[in-house]
Amino acid sequence: MRIHRYQAWILLVVGYEWLVSGVNKVLAHGFVRGLGAELASAEHDLPYRFYASLLDHVFVPHAAFFAWLVMVGELASGVALLMAGLVALIRPLSLVERAVTAAALGVASFMVLNFFFFQGGSYFINPSDPYDEGIPVDFVLFWIQMGLMIALLKEHSREEVIQISRSTVDQSERFHRTHGGMSK
């Protein structure tokens, strides 16, 4: 089964966004060194206390490690999603290609959700900051990526059901041909 052409274009746009974001971090040279200070300065003003605690106890002490994970994750997600989008425009994605694309979307969704919490994004009415956007782009990107991932996985499960039902019909037809339609 082929993903819709609009899904392929969305994969291309989202993949481009992740690739550019990763390349910017690689070319900035100071990202790995500066992430710890950036995280530490933000942890006191976060509206999400659980995430501030996570920053304090996990991310800030190991900031260099997580900086490398973010760079590699953004680059790998960007390349995988761009390739999947290009292939999906030409032909249907294979089972392995859909699995890799779903994994890349999962990684990208995890990263963007962390960015949302880190920036203290709000998805409710927030009269204390009238200059803030109504719905943060990170939050919207999370749901776009999750929707694409669910569509890919749903497509896979539907094909499995179709293949299983075909094999059951084939076995039933084979039985009737060899036994003349008679059951034992």
C-alpha atoms as a PDB file:
ATOM      1  CA  MET A   1       0.000   0.000   0.000  1.00  0.00           C
ATOM      2  CA  ARG A   2       1.279   3.457  -0.886  1.00  0.00           C
ATOM      3  CA  ILE A   3       1.317   6.416   1.474  1.00  0.00           C
ATOM      4  CA  HIS A   4      -0.513   9.438   0.182  1.00  0.00           C
ATOM      5  CA  ARG A   5       1.482  11.966  -1.802  1.00  0.00           C
ATOM      6  CA  TYR A   6       0.723  14.724   0.714  1.00  0.00           C
ATOM      7  CA  GLN A   7       2.277  12.538   3.441  1.00  0.00           C
ATOM      8  CA  ALA A   8       5.423  12.237   1.337  1.00  0.00           C
ATOM      9  CA  TRP A   9       5.608  16.032   1.019  1.00  0.00           C
ATOM     10  CA  ILE A  10       5.113  16.425   4.777  1.00  0.00           C
ATOM     11  CA  LEU A  11       7.944  13.923   5.353  1.00  0.00           C
ATOM     12  CA  LEU A  12      10.145  16.044   3.089  1.00  0.00           C
ATOM     13  CA  VAL A  13       9.330  19.277   4.924  1.00  0.00           C
ATOM     14  CA  VAL A  14       9.764  17.754   8.398  1.00  0.00           C
ATOM     15  CA  GLY A  15      12.957  15.980   7.310  1.00  0.00           C
ATOM     16  CA  TYR A  16      14.366  19.231   5.934  1.00  0.00           C
ATOM     17  CA  GLU A  17      13.565  20.996   9.211  1.00  0.00           C
ATOM     18  CA  TRP A  18      15.421  18.353  11.250  1.00  0.00           C
ATOM     19  CA  LEU A  19      18.382  18.229   8.878  1.00  0.00           C
ATOM     20  CA  VAL A  20      18.821  22.016   8.891  1.00  0.00           C
ATOM     21  CA  SER A  21      18.499  22.104  12.677  1.00  0.00           C
ATOM     22  CA  GLY A  22      21.162  19.407  13.038  1.00  0.00           C
ATOM     23  CA  VAL A  23      23.523  21.035  10.540  1.00  0.00           C
ATOM     24  CA  ASN A  24      23.156  24.378  12.344  1.00  0.00           C
ATOM     25  CA  LYS A  25      24.234  22.727  15.594  1.00  0.00           C
ATOM     26  CA  VAL A  26      27.228  21.056  13.933  1.00  0.00           C
ATOM     27  CA  LEU A  27      28.349  24.289  12.268  1.00  0.00           C
ATOM     28  CA  ALA A  28      27.838  26.380  15.441  1.00  0.00           C
ATOM     29  CA  HIS A  29      30.892  24.696  17.062  1.00  0.00           C
ATOM     30  CA  GLY A  30      29.829  25.956  20.506  1.00  0.00           C
ATOM     31  CA  PHE A  31      26.653  23.882  20.831  1.00  0.00           C
ATOM     32  CA  VAL A  32      28.233  20.997  22.757  1.00  0.00           C
ATOM     33  CA  ARG A  33      30.074  23.314  25.165  1.00  0.00           C
ATOM     34  CA  GLY A  34      27.181  25.735  25.596  1.00  0.00           C
ATOM     35  CA  LEU A  35      24.240  23.378  26.076  1.00  0.00           C
ATOM     36  CA  GLY A  36      24.874  22.850  29.800  1.00  0.00           C
ATOM     37  CA  ALA A  37      24.755  26.584  30.573  1.00  0.00           C
ATOM     38  CA  GLU A  38      21.655  27.007  28.375  1.00  0.00           C
ATOM     39  CA  LEU A  39      19.859  24.192  30.181  1.00  0.00           C
ATOM     40  CA  ALA A  40      20.923  25.400  33.640  1.00  0.00           C
ATOM     41  CA  SER A  41      19.716  28.950  32.984  1.00  0.00           C
ATOM     42  CA  ALA A  42      16.299  27.729  31.865  1.00  0.00           C
ATOM     43  CA  GLU A  43      15.568  25.253  34.633  1.00  0.00           C
ATOM     44  CA  HIS A  44      14.503  27.870  37.220  1.00  0.00           C
ATOM     45  CA  ASP A  45      11.817  29.516  35.073  1.00  0.00           C
ATOM     46  CA  LEU A  46      10.130  26.377  33.739  1.00  0.00           C
ATOM     47  CA  PRO A  47       6.415  25.948  34.430  1.00  0.00           C
ATOM     48  CA  TYR A  48       6.870  22.164  34.310  1.00  0.00           C
ATOM     49  CA  ARG A  49       8.482  21.253  37.645  1.00  0.00           C
ATOM     50  CA  PHE A  50       9.011  17.605  36.670  1.00  0.00           C
ATOM     51  CA  TYR A  51      11.054  18.730  33.685  1.00  0.00           C
ATOM     52  CA  ALA A  52      13.067  21.207  35.750  1.00  0.00           C
ATOM     53  CA  SER A  53      13.965  18.331  38.063  1.00  0.00           C
ATOM     54  CA  LEU A  54      14.912  16.193  35.079  1.00  0.00           C
ATOM     55  CA  LEU A  55      17.111  18.997  33.756  1.00  0.00           C
ATOM     56  CA  ASP A  56      18.781  19.446  37.138  1.00  0.00           C
ATOM     57  CA  HIS A  57      19.475  15.767  37.836  1.00  0.00           C
ATOM     58  CA  VAL A  58      19.989  14.247  34.377  1.00  0.00           C
ATOM     59  CA  PHE A  59      20.473  16.660  31.474  1.00  0.00           C
ATOM     60  CA  VAL A  60      22.663  19.410  32.973  1.00  0.00           C
ATOM     61  CA  PRO A  61      25.236  17.051  34.571  1.00  0.00           C
ATOM     62  CA  HIS A  62      25.588  15.160  31.273  1.00  0.00           C
ATOM     63  CA  ALA A  63      25.006  18.065  28.894  1.00  0.00           C
ATOM     64  CA  ALA A  64      27.870  17.237  26.510  1.00  0.00           C
ATOM     65  CA  PHE A  65      26.573  13.683  26.026  1.00  0.00           C
ATOM     66  CA  PHE A  66      23.022  14.917  25.383  1.00  0.00           C
ATOM     67  CA  ALA A  67      24.316  17.620  23.017  1.00  0.00           C
ATOM     68  CA  TRP A  68      25.907  14.917  20.881  1.00  0.00           C
ATOM     69  CA  LEU A  69      22.707  12.844  21.055  1.00  0.00           C
ATOM     70  CA  VAL A  70      20.656  15.834  19.911  1.00  0.00           C
ATOM     71  CA  MET A  71      22.986  16.588  16.996  1.00  0.00           C
ATOM     72  CA  VAL A  72      23.121  12.970  15.838  1.00  0.00           C
ATOM     73  CA  GLY A  73      19.382  12.518  16.406  1.00  0.00           C
ATOM     74  CA  GLU A  74      18.491  15.608  14.399  1.00  0.00           C
ATOM     75  CA  LEU A  75      20.848  14.742  11.543  1.00  0.00           C
ATOM     76  CA  ALA A  76      19.775  11.069  11.408  1.00  0.00           C
ATOM     77  CA  SER A  77      16.076  11.932  11.640  1.00  0.00           C
ATOM     78  CA  GLY A  78      16.436  14.580   8.957  1.00  0.00           C
ATOM     79  CA  VAL A  79      18.246  12.278   6.535  1.00  0.00           C
ATOM     80  CA  ALA A  80      15.878   9.345   7.171  1.00  0.00           C
ATOM     81  CA  LEU A  81      12.746  11.452   6.755  1.00  0.00           C
ATOM     82  CA  LEU A  82      14.049  13.202   3.627  1.00  0.00           C
ATOM     83  CA  MET A  83      14.977   9.867   2.055  1.00  0.00           C
ATOM     84  CA  ALA A  84      11.599   8.357   2.975  1.00  0.00           C
ATOM     85  CA  GLY A  85       9.786  11.344   1.501  1.00  0.00           C
ATOM     86  CA  LEU A  86      11.756  11.142  -1.744  1.00  0.00           C
ATOM     87  CA  VAL A  87      11.228   7.395  -2.073  1.00  0.00           C
ATOM     88  CA  ALA A  88       7.521   7.722  -1.221  1.00  0.00           C
ATOM     89  CA  LEU A  89       7.086  10.197  -4.084  1.00  0.00           C
ATOM     90  CA  ILE A  90       8.502   7.632  -6.507  1.00  0.00           C
ATOM     91  CA  ARG A  91       7.238   4.298  -5.210  1.00  0.00           C
ATOM     92  CA  PRO A  92       5.602   2.690  -2.161  1.00  0.00           C
ATOM     93  CA  LEU A  93       7.815   2.305   0.906  1.00  0.00           C
ATOM     94  CA  SER A  94       8.895  -1.225   1.730  1.00  0.00           C
ATOM     95  CA  LEU A  95       8.246  -2.736   5.143  1.00  0.00           C
ATOM     96  CA  VAL A  96      11.800  -1.959   6.289  1.00  0.00           C
ATOM     97  CA  GLU A  97      11.611   1.604   4.944  1.00  0.00           C
ATOM     98  CA  ARG A  98       8.333   2.177   6.789  1.00  0.00           C
ATOM     99  CA  ALA A  99       9.848   0.788  10.008  1.00  0.00           C
ATOM    100  CA  VAL A 100      12.939   3.036   9.704  1.00  0.00           C
ATOM    101  CA  THR A 101      10.724   6.041   8.932  1.00  0.00           C
ATOM    102  CA  ALA A 102       8.477   5.289  11.917  1.00  0.00           C
ATOM    103  CA  ALA A 103      11.569   4.980  14.151  1.00  0.00           C
ATOM    104  CA  ALA A 104      12.929   8.308  12.857  1.00  0.00           C
ATOM    105  CA  LEU A 105       9.550   9.929  13.518  1.00  0.00           C
ATOM    106  CA  GLY A 106       9.569   8.453  17.027  1.00  0.00           C
ATOM    107  CA  VAL A 107      13.033   9.876  17.752  1.00  0.00           C
ATOM    108  CA  ALA A 108      12.059  13.242  16.280  1.00  0.00           C
ATOM    109  CA  SER A 109       8.834  13.294  18.309  1.00  0.00           C
ATOM    110  CA  PHE A 110      10.742  12.561  21.516  1.00  0.00           C
ATOM    111  CA  MET A 111      13.197  15.369  20.775  1.00  0.00           C
ATOM    112  CA  VAL A 112      10.546  17.933  19.881  1.00  0.00           C
ATOM    113  CA  LEU A 113       8.537  17.086  22.995  1.00  0.00           C
ATOM    114  CA  ASN A 114      11.668  17.721  25.075  1.00  0.00           C
ATOM    115  CA  PHE A 115      12.179  21.050  23.286  1.00  0.00           C
ATOM    116  CA  PHE A 116       8.551  21.942  24.068  1.00  0.00           C
ATOM    117  CA  PHE A 117       9.035  21.254  27.791  1.00  0.00           C
ATOM    118  CA  PHE A 118      12.441  22.969  27.830  1.00  0.00           C
ATOM    119  CA  GLN A 119      11.007  26.155  26.347  1.00  0.00           C
ATOM    120  CA  GLY A 120       8.098  26.078  28.789  1.00  0.00           C
ATOM    121  CA  GLY A 121       5.565  26.013  25.992  1.00  0.00           C
ATOM    122  CA  SER A 122       1.911  26.382  26.848  1.00  0.00           C
ATOM    123  CA  TYR A 123      -0.945  24.809  24.951  1.00  0.00           C
ATOM    124  CA  PHE A 124      -3.638  26.506  27.036  1.00  0.00           C
ATOM    125  CA  ILE A 125      -4.680  30.122  27.329  1.00  0.00           C
ATOM    126  CA  ASN A 126      -1.848  32.020  28.973  1.00  0.00           C
ATOM    127  CA  PRO A 127      -2.816  35.629  29.814  1.00  0.00           C
ATOM    128  CA  SER A 128       0.487  36.163  31.667  1.00  0.00           C
ATOM    129  CA  ASP A 129       2.315  36.238  28.315  1.00  0.00           C
ATOM    130  CA  PRO A 130       0.182  37.872  25.597  1.00  0.00           C
ATOM    131  CA  TYR A 131       3.188  38.020  23.246  1.00  0.00           C
ATOM    132  CA  ASP A 132       3.551  34.246  23.207  1.00  0.00           C
ATOM    133  CA  GLU A 133       2.179  32.187  20.361  1.00  0.00           C
ATOM    134  CA  GLY A 134      -1.148  30.471  20.897  1.00  0.00           C
ATOM    135  CA  ILE A 135       0.106  26.976  20.230  1.00  0.00           C
ATOM    136  CA  PRO A 136       3.879  26.455  20.108  1.00  0.00           C
ATOM    137  CA  VAL A 137       5.305  25.185  16.841  1.00  0.00           C
ATOM    138  CA  ASP A 138       7.079  22.376  18.732  1.00  0.00           C
ATOM    139  CA  PHE A 139       3.746  21.133  20.032  1.00  0.00           C
ATOM    140  CA  VAL A 140       2.220  21.190  16.535  1.00  0.00           C
ATOM    141  CA  LEU A 141       5.287  19.453  15.056  1.00  0.00           C
ATOM    142  CA  PHE A 142       5.007  16.735  17.717  1.00  0.00           C
ATOM    143  CA  TRP A 143       1.437  15.936  16.645  1.00  0.00           C
ATOM    144  CA  ILE A 144       2.265  16.073  12.931  1.00  0.00           C
ATOM    145  CA  GLN A 145       5.091  13.592  13.448  1.00  0.00           C
ATOM    146  CA  MET A 146       2.956  11.339  15.645  1.00  0.00           C
ATOM    147  CA  GLY A 147       0.198  11.378  13.025  1.00  0.00           C
ATOM    148  CA  LEU A 148       2.649  10.370  10.301  1.00  0.00           C
ATOM    149  CA  MET A 149       4.091   7.613  12.493  1.00  0.00           C
ATOM    150  CA  ILE A 150       0.631   6.246  13.316  1.00  0.00           C
ATOM    151  CA  ALA A 151      -0.331   6.345   9.624  1.00  0.00           C
ATOM    152  CA  LEU A 152       2.796   4.366   8.704  1.00  0.00           C
ATOM    153  CA  LEU A 153       2.237   1.789  11.443  1.00  0.00           C
ATOM    154  CA  LYS A 154      -1.482   1.543  10.715  1.00  0.00           C
ATOM    155  CA  GLU A 155      -0.733   0.956   7.049  1.00  0.00           C
ATOM    156  CA  HIS A 156       1.637  -1.857   8.047  1.00  0.00           C
ATOM    157  CA  SER A 157      -0.883  -3.571  10.332  1.00  0.00           C
ATOM    158  CA  ARG A 158      -3.641  -3.356   7.682  1.00  0.00           C
ATOM    159  CA  GLU A 159      -1.375  -5.075   5.149  1.00  0.00           C
ATOM    160  CA  GLU A 160      -0.573  -7.832   7.646  1.00  0.00           C
ATOM    161  CA  VAL A 161      -4.284  -8.487   8.163  1.00  0.00           C
ATOM    162  CA  ILE A 162      -4.846  -8.603   4.411  1.00  0.00           C
ATOM    163  CA  GLN A 163      -1.928 -11.027   3.918  1.00  0.00           C
ATOM    164  CA  ILE A 164      -3.097 -13.271   6.786  1.00  0.00           C
ATOM    165  CA  SER A 165      -6.635 -13.383   5.430  1.00  0.00           C
ATOM    166  CA  ARG A 166      -5.335 -14.179   1.926  1.00  0.00           C
ATOM    167  CA  SER A 167      -3.241 -17.071   3.229  1.00  0.00           C
ATOM    168  CA  THR A 168      -6.261 -18.426   5.138  1.00  0.00           C
ATOM    169  CA  VAL A 169      -8.378 -18.280   1.979  1.00  0.00           C
ATOM    170  CA  ASP A 170      -5.615 -19.991  -0.008  1.00  0.00           C
ATOM    171  CA  GLN A 171      -5.431 -22.832   2.541  1.00  0.00           C
ATOM    172  CA  SER A 172      -9.200 -23.213   2.515  1.00  0.00           C
ATOM    173  CA  GLU A 173      -9.311 -23.323  -1.305  1.00  0.00           C
ATOM    174  CA  ARG A 174      -6.464 -25.841  -1.361  1.00  0.00           C
ATOM    175  CA  PHE A 175      -8.357 -28.079   1.089  1.00  0.00           C
ATOM    176  CA  HIS A 176     -11.531 -27.971  -1.006  1.00  0.00           C
ATOM    177  CA  ARG A 177      -9.616 -28.723  -4.221  1.00  0.00           C
ATOM    178  CA  THR A 178      -7.765 -31.703  -2.756  1.00  0.00           C
ATOM    179  CA  HIS A 179     -10.763 -33.121  -0.885  1.00  0.00           C
ATOM    180  CA  GLY A 180     -13.423 -32.336  -3.430  1.00  0.00           C
ATOM    181  CA  GLY A 181     -15.166 -29.830  -1.176  1.00  0.00           C
ATOM    182  CA  MET A 182     -15.818 -32.485   1.447  1.00  0.00           C
ATOM    183  CA  SER A 183     -14.941 -31.911   5.056  1.00  0.00           C
ATOM    184  CA  LYS A 184     -13.783 -34.758   7.287  1.00  0.00           C
END
